[in-house]
Amino acid sequence: MKFSRQTTLWSQATVTGVGVHSGLPASVTLGPAPVDAGFIFVRTGLEGPDREIQASPKSVIATAFATVIGDRDGPLVSTAEHVLAALRGMGVDNATIEIDGPEMPIMDGSASAFVAAIDQAGIVEQAARRRFIQVLKPVQVSIGDSFGELRPHAAGFRAEIEIDFANPVIGHQSYVLDLNPQSFRRDIARARTFGCMNDVARLWSEGFARGASMENSVVFDDTRLLNTEGLRYSDECVRHKALDAVGDLALAGLPLLAAYKSIRGGHKLNHAVLSALMADRSAWKIVEAEPATRRRAPAEIASGMLGGMIAPAFGPDVS
C-alpha cells in the first residue's frame, strides 16, 4: 500500500448528476473525516435534521440492482457502490459523503467522476496506523447459480470475477484485479454499468432505471452493442462487476486482506459473502500496517509538520 497511515481527504469536492434508477437530481460532496471514522453518509436537504449513517454491512437494507444504505428509519441513499469503490480503490480510509437526494448520481455509469473529485480534494495522511481486516479462512456463499468466496490473501485485495450472461454479446467473461490506486484508476474506474434492451420494460415496471440512458449505461440488444462510441474496455462488463465488488466490499469498514471470487454474482452476493465473513469471528482479525519510514520533504521540515502527515492525491496513470 502507498500509505502505512490512515488517510482522508484534504478538502471537499462536489459532483452533481441524476440517479440511474430514480431519475432524480442530487449533489454529492466528498470531504474529510476523523481517524477511524470510515465512510460516513450524510443525507441533507430533508425537512427534519440531517441523517447520518456509517457504511457497514448492517447498513445495507436492499441489494436489488444497487446497494441501498439505510437504517430503521428507512433508506438513506441508493446506488452507493460507485462512490465507495472510488474511495476504497484510491486508498482513502475515512471520508464524509454528503448527498441532498435519495440516490447517488450515476454520472457516466462508472466511478471516474468520483475519482476526479478525489483528485480535486487531495488525500492527506493521518496520525493513526492504517488498519485492515485480514481474512483467516475461506468463507463461501451460494445463491442459486451464483457463488462467492472470500479467502486469505495477505498480499492485499484481489478480485477474481466471472460473469456468464445468456445474451451472446456479453456471454462469458472473467477478470482478475490486484487492487491498488494505480490499477483501480487504470483498469476498472472507467468501466460503466450495463444492461440489455429487453430488460428495460421490466425494470421500469419495477421502479428501476428511470434515469438510465446511453449516456450513463452500456446497452446491448440480442445481437450487438447499441452505444455508438463503443466499449472502453473489450471486457467492460466484467470489469464493471469488479468495480461493484470493490464498492460493496468497502462496506467492511476497513480494507480487506483477502481474495474475493465471484461467479455470476452481483450486489446481493457481494453483501451476503461480506455478511457471512463478519458473522464468523474466527474467520478474520484486524491488523495494523507496518510503520513506513521515508525521508521528510523540505516543505515539511520548513513548516514543522510531522513526517508523512500530508500526501497529494494519486496522480493520473500515464504509462
C-alpha atoms as a PDB file:
ATOM      1  CA  MET A   1       0.000   0.000   0.000  1.00  0.00           C
ATOM      2  CA  LYS A   2       1.198   3.538  -0.644  1.00  0.00           C
ATOM      3  CA  PHE A   3       0.402   4.704   2.883  1.00  0.00           C
ATOM      4  CA  SER A   4       1.027   2.897   6.180  1.00  0.00           C
ATOM      5  CA  ARG A   5      -1.091   5.503   7.970  1.00  0.00           C
ATOM      6  CA  GLN A   6      -4.774   6.159   7.577  1.00  0.00           C
ATOM      7  CA  THR A   7      -5.875   8.733   5.033  1.00  0.00           C
ATOM      8  CA  THR A   8      -8.707  11.159   4.490  1.00  0.00           C
ATOM      9  CA  LEU A   9      -9.484  13.943   2.029  1.00  0.00           C
ATOM     10  CA  TRP A  10      -7.618  17.242   2.263  1.00  0.00           C
ATOM     11  CA  SER A  11     -10.625  19.348   1.247  1.00  0.00           C
ATOM     12  CA  GLN A  12     -14.117  18.986  -0.214  1.00  0.00           C
ATOM     13  CA  ALA A  13     -15.203  18.275  -3.785  1.00  0.00           C
ATOM     14  CA  THR A  14     -18.710  18.107  -5.248  1.00  0.00           C
ATOM     15  CA  VAL A  15     -20.277  16.206  -8.144  1.00  0.00           C
ATOM     16  CA  THR A  16     -23.821  16.685  -9.428  1.00  0.00           C
ATOM     17  CA  GLY A  17     -26.000  14.456 -11.578  1.00  0.00           C
ATOM     18  CA  VAL A  18     -29.105  12.254 -11.622  1.00  0.00           C
ATOM     19  CA  GLY A  19     -29.792   8.824 -10.170  1.00  0.00           C
ATOM     20  CA  VAL A  20     -29.862   5.944 -12.656  1.00  0.00           C
ATOM     21  CA  HIS A  21     -32.890   4.320 -11.005  1.00  0.00           C
ATOM     22  CA  SER A  22     -34.806   7.274  -9.520  1.00  0.00           C
ATOM     23  CA  GLY A  23     -34.001   9.770 -12.268  1.00  0.00           C
ATOM     24  CA  LEU A  24     -33.806  12.434  -9.523  1.00  0.00           C
ATOM     25  CA  PRO A  25     -31.063  15.081  -9.313  1.00  0.00           C
ATOM     26  CA  ALA A  26     -28.537  15.049  -6.480  1.00  0.00           C
ATOM     27  CA  SER A  27     -25.333  16.764  -5.425  1.00  0.00           C
ATOM     28  CA  VAL A  28     -22.659  14.780  -3.575  1.00  0.00           C
ATOM     29  CA  THR A  29     -19.869  16.395  -1.585  1.00  0.00           C
ATOM     30  CA  LEU A  30     -16.902  14.291  -0.526  1.00  0.00           C
ATOM     31  CA  GLY A  31     -14.992  15.620   2.454  1.00  0.00           C
ATOM     32  CA  PRO A  32     -12.615  14.849   5.332  1.00  0.00           C
ATOM     33  CA  ALA A  33     -13.411  12.598   8.291  1.00  0.00           C
ATOM     34  CA  PRO A  34     -11.536  11.796  11.511  1.00  0.00           C
ATOM     35  CA  VAL A  35      -9.302   8.797  12.162  1.00  0.00           C
ATOM     36  CA  ASP A  36     -11.224   5.502  12.368  1.00  0.00           C
ATOM     37  CA  ALA A  37     -14.425   7.127  11.065  1.00  0.00           C
ATOM     38  CA  GLY A  38     -14.632   5.019   7.924  1.00  0.00           C
ATOM     39  CA  PHE A  39     -17.126   6.221   5.326  1.00  0.00           C
ATOM     40  CA  ILE A  40     -19.962   8.335   6.718  1.00  0.00           C
ATOM     41  CA  PHE A  41     -23.047   9.036   4.600  1.00  0.00           C
ATOM     42  CA  VAL A  42     -24.866  12.267   5.475  1.00  0.00           C
ATOM     43  CA  ARG A  43     -28.263  12.943   3.904  1.00  0.00           C
ATOM     44  CA  THR A  44     -29.036  16.652   3.719  1.00  0.00           C
ATOM     45  CA  GLY A  45     -31.989  18.607   2.333  1.00  0.00           C
ATOM     46  CA  LEU A  46     -34.572  16.848   4.488  1.00  0.00           C
ATOM     47  CA  GLU A  47     -37.460  18.537   6.285  1.00  0.00           C
ATOM     48  CA  GLY A  48     -36.019  17.448   9.617  1.00  0.00           C
ATOM     49  CA  PRO A  49     -32.392  17.163  10.749  1.00  0.00           C
ATOM     50  CA  ASP A  50     -29.713  15.653   8.550  1.00  0.00           C
ATOM     51  CA  ARG A  51     -29.398  11.871   8.756  1.00  0.00           C
ATOM     52  CA  GLU A  52     -26.027  10.198   9.224  1.00  0.00           C
ATOM     53  CA  ILE A  53     -25.090   6.534   8.750  1.00  0.00           C
ATOM     54  CA  GLN A  54     -21.699   4.862   8.866  1.00  0.00           C
ATOM     55  CA  ALA A  55     -21.163   2.487   5.957  1.00  0.00           C
ATOM     56  CA  SER A  56     -21.152  -1.101   7.243  1.00  0.00           C
ATOM     57  CA  PRO A  57     -22.655  -4.464   6.277  1.00  0.00           C
ATOM     58  CA  LYS A  58     -25.524  -3.823   8.709  1.00  0.00           C
ATOM     59  CA  SER A  59     -26.335  -0.516   6.997  1.00  0.00           C
ATOM     60  CA  VAL A  60     -27.327  -2.296   3.753  1.00  0.00           C
ATOM     61  CA  ILE A  61     -31.104  -2.624   3.516  1.00  0.00           C
ATOM     62  CA  ALA A  62     -31.535  -3.602  -0.158  1.00  0.00           C
ATOM     63  CA  THR A  63     -29.420  -5.044  -2.977  1.00  0.00           C
ATOM     64  CA  ALA A  64     -31.782  -5.244  -5.967  1.00  0.00           C
ATOM     65  CA  PHE A  65     -29.864  -3.698  -8.905  1.00  0.00           C
ATOM     66  CA  ALA A  66     -27.990  -1.374  -6.498  1.00  0.00           C
ATOM     67  CA  THR A  67     -26.711  -1.197  -2.937  1.00  0.00           C
ATOM     68  CA  VAL A  68     -29.046   0.800  -0.692  1.00  0.00           C
ATOM     69  CA  ILE A  69     -27.831   2.258   2.615  1.00  0.00           C
ATOM     70  CA  GLY A  70     -30.321   2.883   5.404  1.00  0.00           C
ATOM     71  CA  ASP A  71     -31.414   2.132   8.956  1.00  0.00           C
ATOM     72  CA  ARG A  72     -34.604   1.504  10.939  1.00  0.00           C
ATOM     73  CA  ASP A  73     -35.903   4.880   9.764  1.00  0.00           C
ATOM     74  CA  GLY A  74     -35.730   3.694   6.154  1.00  0.00           C
ATOM     75  CA  PRO A  75     -33.449   4.209   3.153  1.00  0.00           C
ATOM     76  CA  LEU A  76     -30.880   6.986   3.249  1.00  0.00           C
ATOM     77  CA  VAL A  77     -29.222   6.669  -0.149  1.00  0.00           C
ATOM     78  CA  SER A  78     -29.296   4.230  -3.055  1.00  0.00           C
ATOM     79  CA  THR A  79     -26.590   3.184  -5.530  1.00  0.00           C
ATOM     80  CA  ALA A  80     -23.773   3.742  -3.064  1.00  0.00           C
ATOM     81  CA  GLU A  81     -21.365   1.272  -4.679  1.00  0.00           C
ATOM     82  CA  HIS A  82     -19.532   3.516  -7.161  1.00  0.00           C
ATOM     83  CA  VAL A  83     -18.549   6.248  -4.714  1.00  0.00           C
ATOM     84  CA  LEU A  84     -17.498   3.613  -2.167  1.00  0.00           C
ATOM     85  CA  ALA A  85     -15.429   1.878  -4.837  1.00  0.00           C
ATOM     86  CA  ALA A  86     -13.683   5.134  -5.725  1.00  0.00           C
ATOM     87  CA  LEU A  87     -12.806   5.906  -2.113  1.00  0.00           C
ATOM     88  CA  ARG A  88     -11.552   2.414  -1.330  1.00  0.00           C
ATOM     89  CA  GLY A  89      -9.859   1.976  -4.694  1.00  0.00           C
ATOM     90  CA  MET A  90      -7.980   5.261  -4.422  1.00  0.00           C
ATOM     91  CA  GLY A  91      -6.744   4.469  -0.924  1.00  0.00           C
ATOM     92  CA  VAL A  92      -8.981   6.721   1.186  1.00  0.00           C
ATOM     93  CA  ASP A  93      -9.783   5.313   4.644  1.00  0.00           C
ATOM     94  CA  ASN A  94     -12.022   7.998   6.178  1.00  0.00           C
ATOM     95  CA  ALA A  95     -14.437  10.332   4.401  1.00  0.00           C
ATOM     96  CA  THR A  96     -17.812  12.014   4.649  1.00  0.00           C
ATOM     97  CA  ILE A  97     -20.239  11.606   1.756  1.00  0.00           C
ATOM     98  CA  GLU A  98     -22.919  14.299   1.880  1.00  0.00           C
ATOM     99  CA  ILE A  99     -25.856  13.947  -0.506  1.00  0.00           C
ATOM    100  CA  ASP A 100     -29.004  16.038  -0.908  1.00  0.00           C
ATOM    101  CA  GLY A 101     -31.095  13.423  -2.737  1.00  0.00           C
ATOM    102  CA  PRO A 102     -32.202   9.793  -2.363  1.00  0.00           C
ATOM    103  CA  GLU A 103     -29.746   8.286  -4.854  1.00  0.00           C
ATOM    104  CA  MET A 104     -26.115   8.764  -5.780  1.00  0.00           C
ATOM    105  CA  PRO A 105     -25.811  10.343  -9.233  1.00  0.00           C
ATOM    106  CA  ILE A 106     -24.827   7.799 -11.848  1.00  0.00           C
ATOM    107  CA  MET A 107     -22.676  10.297 -13.787  1.00  0.00           C
ATOM    108  CA  ASP A 108     -21.293   8.386 -16.825  1.00  0.00           C
ATOM    109  CA  GLY A 109     -22.105   4.973 -15.308  1.00  0.00           C
ATOM    110  CA  SER A 110     -18.633   4.442 -13.868  1.00  0.00           C
ATOM    111  CA  ALA A 111     -16.596   5.692 -10.896  1.00  0.00           C
ATOM    112  CA  SER A 112     -14.493   8.132 -12.937  1.00  0.00           C
ATOM    113  CA  ALA A 113     -16.308  11.283 -11.754  1.00  0.00           C
ATOM    114  CA  PHE A 114     -15.742  10.281  -8.126  1.00  0.00           C
ATOM    115  CA  VAL A 115     -12.064   9.600  -8.828  1.00  0.00           C
ATOM    116  CA  ALA A 116     -11.828  13.106 -10.326  1.00  0.00           C
ATOM    117  CA  ALA A 117     -13.457  14.521  -7.184  1.00  0.00           C
ATOM    118  CA  ILE A 118     -10.922  12.705  -5.000  1.00  0.00           C
ATOM    119  CA  ASP A 119      -8.122  14.106  -7.168  1.00  0.00           C
ATOM    120  CA  GLN A 120      -9.586  17.584  -6.707  1.00  0.00           C
ATOM    121  CA  ALA A 121      -9.905  17.223  -2.930  1.00  0.00           C
ATOM    122  CA  GLY A 122      -6.498  15.603  -2.457  1.00  0.00           C
ATOM    123  CA  ILE A 123      -5.536  12.891   0.005  1.00  0.00           C
ATOM    124  CA  VAL A 124      -3.938  13.596   3.381  1.00  0.00           C
ATOM    125  CA  GLU A 125      -2.248  11.144   5.721  1.00  0.00           C
ATOM    126  CA  GLN A 126      -3.483  10.984   9.306  1.00  0.00           C
ATOM    127  CA  ALA A 127      -1.624  10.210  12.517  1.00  0.00           C
ATOM    128  CA  ALA A 128      -3.031   6.715  13.119  1.00  0.00           C
ATOM    129  CA  ARG A 129      -1.813   3.495  11.557  1.00  0.00           C
ATOM    130  CA  ARG A 130      -3.901   2.058   8.725  1.00  0.00           C
ATOM    131  CA  ARG A 131      -5.872  -0.988   9.816  1.00  0.00           C
ATOM    132  CA  PHE A 132      -7.004  -3.962   7.732  1.00  0.00           C
ATOM    133  CA  ILE A 133      -9.389  -6.868   8.039  1.00  0.00           C
ATOM    134  CA  GLN A 134      -7.259  -9.939   7.384  1.00  0.00           C
ATOM    135  CA  VAL A 135      -9.249 -12.961   6.261  1.00  0.00           C
ATOM    136  CA  LEU A 136      -8.010 -16.086   8.051  1.00  0.00           C
ATOM    137  CA  LYS A 137     -10.030 -18.858   6.414  1.00  0.00           C
ATOM    138  CA  PRO A 138     -12.341 -19.236   3.404  1.00  0.00           C
ATOM    139  CA  VAL A 139     -15.938 -18.080   3.721  1.00  0.00           C
ATOM    140  CA  GLN A 140     -18.307 -19.199   0.951  1.00  0.00           C
ATOM    141  CA  VAL A 141     -21.887 -18.380  -0.067  1.00  0.00           C
ATOM    142  CA  SER A 142     -24.040 -19.851  -2.844  1.00  0.00           C
ATOM    143  CA  ILE A 143     -27.265 -18.210  -4.038  1.00  0.00           C
ATOM    144  CA  GLY A 144     -28.861 -20.176  -6.860  1.00  0.00           C
ATOM    145  CA  ASP A 145     -26.221 -20.489  -9.578  1.00  0.00           C
ATOM    146  CA  SER A 146     -24.128 -17.666  -8.040  1.00  0.00           C
ATOM    147  CA  PHE A 147     -21.085 -18.405  -5.911  1.00  0.00           C
ATOM    148  CA  GLY A 148     -18.926 -16.113  -3.822  1.00  0.00           C
ATOM    149  CA  GLU A 149     -15.895 -16.714  -1.637  1.00  0.00           C
ATOM    150  CA  LEU A 150     -13.509 -14.661   0.470  1.00  0.00           C
ATOM    151  CA  ARG A 151     -10.254 -16.435   1.244  1.00  0.00           C
ATOM    152  CA  PRO A 152      -6.896 -15.482   2.796  1.00  0.00           C
ATOM    153  CA  HIS A 153      -4.597 -13.325   0.652  1.00  0.00           C
ATOM    154  CA  ALA A 154      -2.120 -11.441   2.807  1.00  0.00           C
ATOM    155  CA  ALA A 155      -0.607  -9.503  -0.112  1.00  0.00           C
ATOM    156  CA  GLY A 156      -3.616  -7.171  -0.395  1.00  0.00           C
ATOM    157  CA  PHE A 157      -7.025  -7.347  -2.033  1.00  0.00           C
ATOM    158  CA  ARG A 158      -7.596  -9.412  -5.173  1.00  0.00           C
ATOM    159  CA  ALA A 159     -10.894  -9.665  -7.077  1.00  0.00           C
ATOM    160  CA  GLU A 160     -11.496 -12.706  -9.289  1.00  0.00           C
ATOM    161  CA  ILE A 161     -14.745 -12.029 -11.131  1.00  0.00           C
ATOM    162  CA  GLU A 162     -16.580 -14.252 -13.591  1.00  0.00           C
ATOM    163  CA  ILE A 163     -19.844 -13.461 -15.398  1.00  0.00           C
ATOM    164  CA  ASP A 164     -21.922 -15.610 -17.718  1.00  0.00           C
ATOM    165  CA  PHE A 165     -24.878 -13.950 -19.444  1.00  0.00           C
ATOM    166  CA  ALA A 166     -27.391 -15.583 -21.760  1.00  0.00           C
ATOM    167  CA  ASN A 167     -27.054 -12.542 -24.003  1.00  0.00           C
ATOM    168  CA  PRO A 168     -24.499 -13.738 -26.596  1.00  0.00           C
ATOM    169  CA  VAL A 169     -22.929 -10.300 -26.993  1.00  0.00           C
ATOM    170  CA  ILE A 170     -21.918 -10.288 -23.318  1.00  0.00           C
ATOM    171  CA  GLY A 171     -21.529 -14.044 -22.814  1.00  0.00           C
ATOM    172  CA  HIS A 172     -18.830 -15.399 -20.520  1.00  0.00           C
ATOM    173  CA  GLN A 173     -16.120 -13.055 -19.250  1.00  0.00           C
ATOM    174  CA  SER A 174     -13.573 -13.315 -16.439  1.00  0.00           C
ATOM    175  CA  TYR A 175     -11.236 -10.772 -14.893  1.00  0.00           C
ATOM    176  CA  VAL A 176      -8.639 -10.646 -12.101  1.00  0.00           C
ATOM    177  CA  LEU A 177      -7.699  -7.400 -10.344  1.00  0.00           C
ATOM    178  CA  ASP A 178      -4.971  -6.840  -7.754  1.00  0.00           C
ATOM    179  CA  LEU A 179      -6.249  -3.645  -6.179  1.00  0.00           C
ATOM    180  CA  ASN A 180      -4.123  -0.550  -5.714  1.00  0.00           C
ATOM    181  CA  PRO A 181      -4.787   3.075  -6.651  1.00  0.00           C
ATOM    182  CA  GLN A 182      -2.982   2.748  -9.962  1.00  0.00           C
ATOM    183  CA  SER A 183      -4.765  -0.431 -11.066  1.00  0.00           C
ATOM    184  CA  PHE A 184      -8.097   0.917  -9.896  1.00  0.00           C
ATOM    185  CA  ARG A 185      -7.712   4.141 -11.883  1.00  0.00           C
ATOM    186  CA  ARG A 186      -6.357   2.441 -14.982  1.00  0.00           C
ATOM    187  CA  ASP A 187      -8.262  -0.845 -15.130  1.00  0.00           C
ATOM    188  CA  ILE A 188     -11.769  -0.532 -13.653  1.00  0.00           C
ATOM    189  CA  ALA A 189     -12.653   3.044 -12.639  1.00  0.00           C
ATOM    190  CA  ARG A 190     -13.997   3.876 -16.125  1.00  0.00           C
ATOM    191  CA  ALA A 191     -15.996   0.649 -16.590  1.00  0.00           C
ATOM    192  CA  ARG A 192     -19.684   1.557 -16.974  1.00  0.00           C
ATOM    193  CA  THR A 193     -22.848  -0.097 -15.766  1.00  0.00           C
ATOM    194  CA  PHE A 194     -24.544  -2.182 -18.441  1.00  0.00           C
ATOM    195  CA  GLY A 195     -27.848  -3.776 -19.386  1.00  0.00           C
ATOM    196  CA  CYS A 196     -29.961  -5.311 -22.130  1.00  0.00           C
ATOM    197  CA  MET A 197     -32.761  -3.609 -24.041  1.00  0.00           C
ATOM    198  CA  ASN A 198     -35.169  -6.488 -23.427  1.00  0.00           C
ATOM    199  CA  ASP A 199     -34.880  -5.857 -19.663  1.00  0.00           C
ATOM    200  CA  VAL A 200     -35.821  -2.179 -19.833  1.00  0.00           C
ATOM    201  CA  ALA A 201     -39.610  -2.559 -19.719  1.00  0.00           C
ATOM    202  CA  ARG A 202     -39.380  -4.920 -16.745  1.00  0.00           C
ATOM    203  CA  LEU A 203     -37.044  -2.582 -14.875  1.00  0.00           C
ATOM    204  CA  TRP A 204     -39.329   0.379 -15.489  1.00  0.00           C
ATOM    205  CA  SER A 205     -42.337  -1.578 -14.204  1.00  0.00           C
ATOM    206  CA  GLU A 206     -40.397  -2.383 -11.015  1.00  0.00           C
ATOM    207  CA  GLY A 207     -39.398   1.257 -10.484  1.00  0.00           C
ATOM    208  CA  PHE A 208     -35.809   0.987 -11.681  1.00  0.00           C
ATOM    209  CA  ALA A 209     -33.725   2.560 -14.498  1.00  0.00           C
ATOM    210  CA  ARG A 210     -35.803   5.758 -14.694  1.00  0.00           C
ATOM    211  CA  GLY A 211     -32.633   7.790 -15.154  1.00  0.00           C
ATOM    212  CA  ALA A 212     -30.826   5.331 -17.405  1.00  0.00           C
ATOM    213  CA  SER A 213     -29.677   6.329 -20.877  1.00  0.00           C
ATOM    214  CA  MET A 214     -26.878   5.557 -23.294  1.00  0.00           C
ATOM    215  CA  GLU A 215     -25.051   8.495 -21.738  1.00  0.00           C
ATOM    216  CA  ASN A 216     -24.650   6.560 -18.490  1.00  0.00           C
ATOM    217  CA  SER A 217     -25.040   2.875 -19.419  1.00  0.00           C
ATOM    218  CA  VAL A 218     -23.669   0.333 -21.852  1.00  0.00           C
ATOM    219  CA  VAL A 219     -26.674  -1.147 -23.660  1.00  0.00           C
ATOM    220  CA  PHE A 220     -26.943  -4.344 -25.695  1.00  0.00           C
ATOM    221  CA  ASP A 221     -29.674  -5.954 -27.733  1.00  0.00           C
ATOM    222  CA  ASP A 222     -29.588  -9.632 -28.699  1.00  0.00           C
ATOM    223  CA  THR A 223     -27.040  -9.162 -31.450  1.00  0.00           C
ATOM    224  CA  ARG A 224     -24.941  -6.044 -30.848  1.00  0.00           C
ATOM    225  CA  LEU A 225     -23.751  -3.191 -28.690  1.00  0.00           C
ATOM    226  CA  LEU A 226     -26.012  -0.157 -29.159  1.00  0.00           C
ATOM    227  CA  ASN A 227     -23.655   2.586 -27.897  1.00  0.00           C
ATOM    228  CA  THR A 228     -22.147   4.251 -30.943  1.00  0.00           C
ATOM    229  CA  GLU A 229     -18.955   5.204 -29.090  1.00  0.00           C
ATOM    230  CA  GLY A 230     -18.165   1.543 -28.387  1.00  0.00           C
ATOM    231  CA  LEU A 231     -16.670  -0.036 -25.284  1.00  0.00           C
ATOM    232  CA  ARG A 232     -13.997   1.464 -23.066  1.00  0.00           C
ATOM    233  CA  TYR A 233     -12.515  -1.988 -22.467  1.00  0.00           C
ATOM    234  CA  SER A 234     -13.123  -5.108 -24.551  1.00  0.00           C
ATOM    235  CA  ASP A 235     -14.365  -6.806 -21.353  1.00  0.00           C
ATOM    236  CA  GLU A 236     -16.034  -3.730 -19.848  1.00  0.00           C
ATOM    237  CA  CYS A 237     -18.957  -5.681 -18.387  1.00  0.00           C
ATOM    238  CA  VAL A 238     -16.901  -7.935 -16.136  1.00  0.00           C
ATOM    239  CA  ARG A 239     -14.669  -5.021 -15.174  1.00  0.00           C
ATOM    240  CA  HIS A 240     -17.760  -3.132 -14.033  1.00  0.00           C
ATOM    241  CA  LYS A 241     -18.702  -6.130 -11.899  1.00  0.00           C
ATOM    242  CA  ALA A 242     -15.224  -5.893 -10.357  1.00  0.00           C
ATOM    243  CA  LEU A 243     -15.852  -2.197  -9.685  1.00  0.00           C
ATOM    244  CA  ASP A 244     -19.138  -3.028  -7.961  1.00  0.00           C
ATOM    245  CA  ALA A 245     -17.441  -5.696  -5.871  1.00  0.00           C
ATOM    246  CA  VAL A 246     -14.789  -3.238  -4.656  1.00  0.00           C
ATOM    247  CA  GLY A 247     -17.555  -0.817  -3.662  1.00  0.00           C
ATOM    248  CA  ASP A 248     -19.789  -3.374  -1.980  1.00  0.00           C
ATOM    249  CA  LEU A 249     -16.889  -4.883  -0.021  1.00  0.00           C
ATOM    250  CA  ALA A 250     -15.790  -1.397   1.076  1.00  0.00           C
ATOM    251  CA  LEU A 251     -18.733  -1.711   3.471  1.00  0.00           C
ATOM    252  CA  ALA A 252     -16.448  -3.905   5.591  1.00  0.00           C
ATOM    253  CA  GLY A 253     -15.273  -0.598   7.062  1.00  0.00           C
ATOM    254  CA  LEU A 254     -11.579  -1.391   6.601  1.00  0.00           C
ATOM    255  CA  PRO A 255      -9.521  -2.547   3.612  1.00  0.00           C
ATOM    256  CA  LEU A 256      -9.602  -6.310   3.184  1.00  0.00           C
ATOM    257  CA  LEU A 257      -6.550  -8.546   3.005  1.00  0.00           C
ATOM    258  CA  ALA A 258      -8.341 -11.200   1.005  1.00  0.00           C
ATOM    259  CA  ALA A 259      -9.055 -12.669  -2.391  1.00  0.00           C
ATOM    260  CA  TYR A 260     -12.690 -12.410  -3.458  1.00  0.00           C
ATOM    261  CA  LYS A 261     -14.041 -14.865  -6.018  1.00  0.00           C
ATOM    262  CA  SER A 262     -17.443 -14.136  -7.567  1.00  0.00           C
ATOM    263  CA  ILE A 263     -19.182 -16.306 -10.164  1.00  0.00           C
ATOM    264  CA  ARG A 264     -22.396 -14.916 -11.693  1.00  0.00           C
ATOM    265  CA  GLY A 265     -22.613 -12.507  -8.787  1.00  0.00           C
ATOM    266  CA  GLY A 266     -23.876  -9.021  -8.071  1.00  0.00           C
ATOM    267  CA  HIS A 267     -24.756  -6.758  -5.160  1.00  0.00           C
ATOM    268  CA  LYS A 268     -26.803  -9.421  -3.367  1.00  0.00           C
ATOM    269  CA  LEU A 269     -23.983 -11.959  -3.465  1.00  0.00           C
ATOM    270  CA  ASN A 270     -21.309  -9.404  -2.544  1.00  0.00           C
ATOM    271  CA  HIS A 271     -23.269  -8.375   0.533  1.00  0.00           C
ATOM    272  CA  ALA A 272     -24.079 -11.965   1.502  1.00  0.00           C
ATOM    273  CA  VAL A 273     -20.418 -13.011   1.425  1.00  0.00           C
ATOM    274  CA  LEU A 274     -19.298  -9.962   3.401  1.00  0.00           C
ATOM    275  CA  SER A 275     -22.051 -10.524   5.975  1.00  0.00           C
ATOM    276  CA  ALA A 276     -21.066 -14.192   6.295  1.00  0.00           C
ATOM    277  CA  LEU A 277     -17.451 -13.163   6.899  1.00  0.00           C
ATOM    278  CA  MET A 278     -18.395 -10.641   9.584  1.00  0.00           C
ATOM    279  CA  ALA A 279     -20.659 -13.177  11.297  1.00  0.00           C
ATOM    280  CA  ASP A 280     -17.806 -15.685  11.697  1.00  0.00           C
ATOM    281  CA  ARG A 281     -15.467 -14.028  14.165  1.00  0.00           C
ATOM    282  CA  SER A 282     -12.938 -16.839  13.732  1.00  0.00           C
ATOM    283  CA  ALA A 283     -12.602 -16.054  10.020  1.00  0.00           C
ATOM    284  CA  TRP A 284     -10.922 -12.667  10.364  1.00  0.00           C
ATOM    285  CA  LYS A 285      -8.877 -10.371  12.531  1.00  0.00           C
ATOM    286  CA  ILE A 286      -7.913  -6.705  12.473  1.00  0.00           C
ATOM    287  CA  VAL A 287      -4.237  -5.981  11.822  1.00  0.00           C
ATOM    288  CA  GLU A 288      -2.251  -2.750  11.551  1.00  0.00           C
ATOM    289  CA  ALA A 289       0.076  -1.713   8.767  1.00  0.00           C
ATOM    290  CA  GLU A 290       3.768  -1.871   9.441  1.00  0.00           C
ATOM    291  CA  PRO A 291       5.236   1.603  10.017  1.00  0.00           C
ATOM    292  CA  ALA A 292       6.844   3.049   6.907  1.00  0.00           C
ATOM    293  CA  THR A 293       9.939   5.206   7.024  1.00  0.00           C
ATOM    294  CA  ARG A 294      10.508   7.892   4.455  1.00  0.00           C
ATOM    295  CA  ARG A 295      12.613  11.000   4.127  1.00  0.00           C
ATOM    296  CA  ARG A 296      10.868  14.192   5.126  1.00  0.00           C
ATOM    297  CA  ALA A 297      10.316  16.630   2.281  1.00  0.00           C
ATOM    298  CA  PRO A 298      11.913  20.079   2.632  1.00  0.00           C
ATOM    299  CA  ALA A 299       8.477  21.722   2.796  1.00  0.00           C
ATOM    300  CA  GLU A 300       7.544  19.509   5.747  1.00  0.00           C
ATOM    301  CA  ILE A 301      10.753  20.325   7.573  1.00  0.00           C
ATOM    302  CA  ALA A 302      10.277  24.046   6.969  1.00  0.00           C
ATOM    303  CA  SER A 303       6.686  24.014   8.164  1.00  0.00           C
ATOM    304  CA  GLY A 304       7.310  21.799  11.184  1.00  0.00           C
ATOM    305  CA  MET A 305       4.809  19.186  10.032  1.00  0.00           C
ATOM    306  CA  LEU A 306       5.146  15.611  11.197  1.00  0.00           C
ATOM    307  CA  GLY A 307       6.785  13.424   8.561  1.00  0.00           C
ATOM    308  CA  GLY A 308       4.175  11.654   6.459  1.00  0.00           C
ATOM    309  CA  MET A 309       1.222  13.785   7.505  1.00  0.00           C
ATOM    310  CA  ILE A 310       0.340  15.146   4.072  1.00  0.00           C
ATOM    311  CA  ALA A 311       0.361  13.463   0.676  1.00  0.00           C
ATOM    312  CA  PRO A 312      -1.180  14.536  -2.616  1.00  0.00           C
ATOM    313  CA  ALA A 313      -3.931  12.662  -4.385  1.00  0.00           C
ATOM    314  CA  PHE A 314      -2.608   9.864  -6.549  1.00  0.00           C
ATOM    315  CA  GLY A 315      -1.702  11.288  -9.921  1.00  0.00           C
ATOM    316  CA  PRO A 316      -3.078  10.001 -13.208  1.00  0.00           C
ATOM    317  CA  ASP A 317      -1.543   6.890 -14.701  1.00  0.00           C
ATOM    318  CA  VAL A 318       0.452   7.926 -17.758  1.00  0.00           C
ATOM    319  CA  SER A 319       2.031   4.627 -18.767  1.00  0.00           C
END
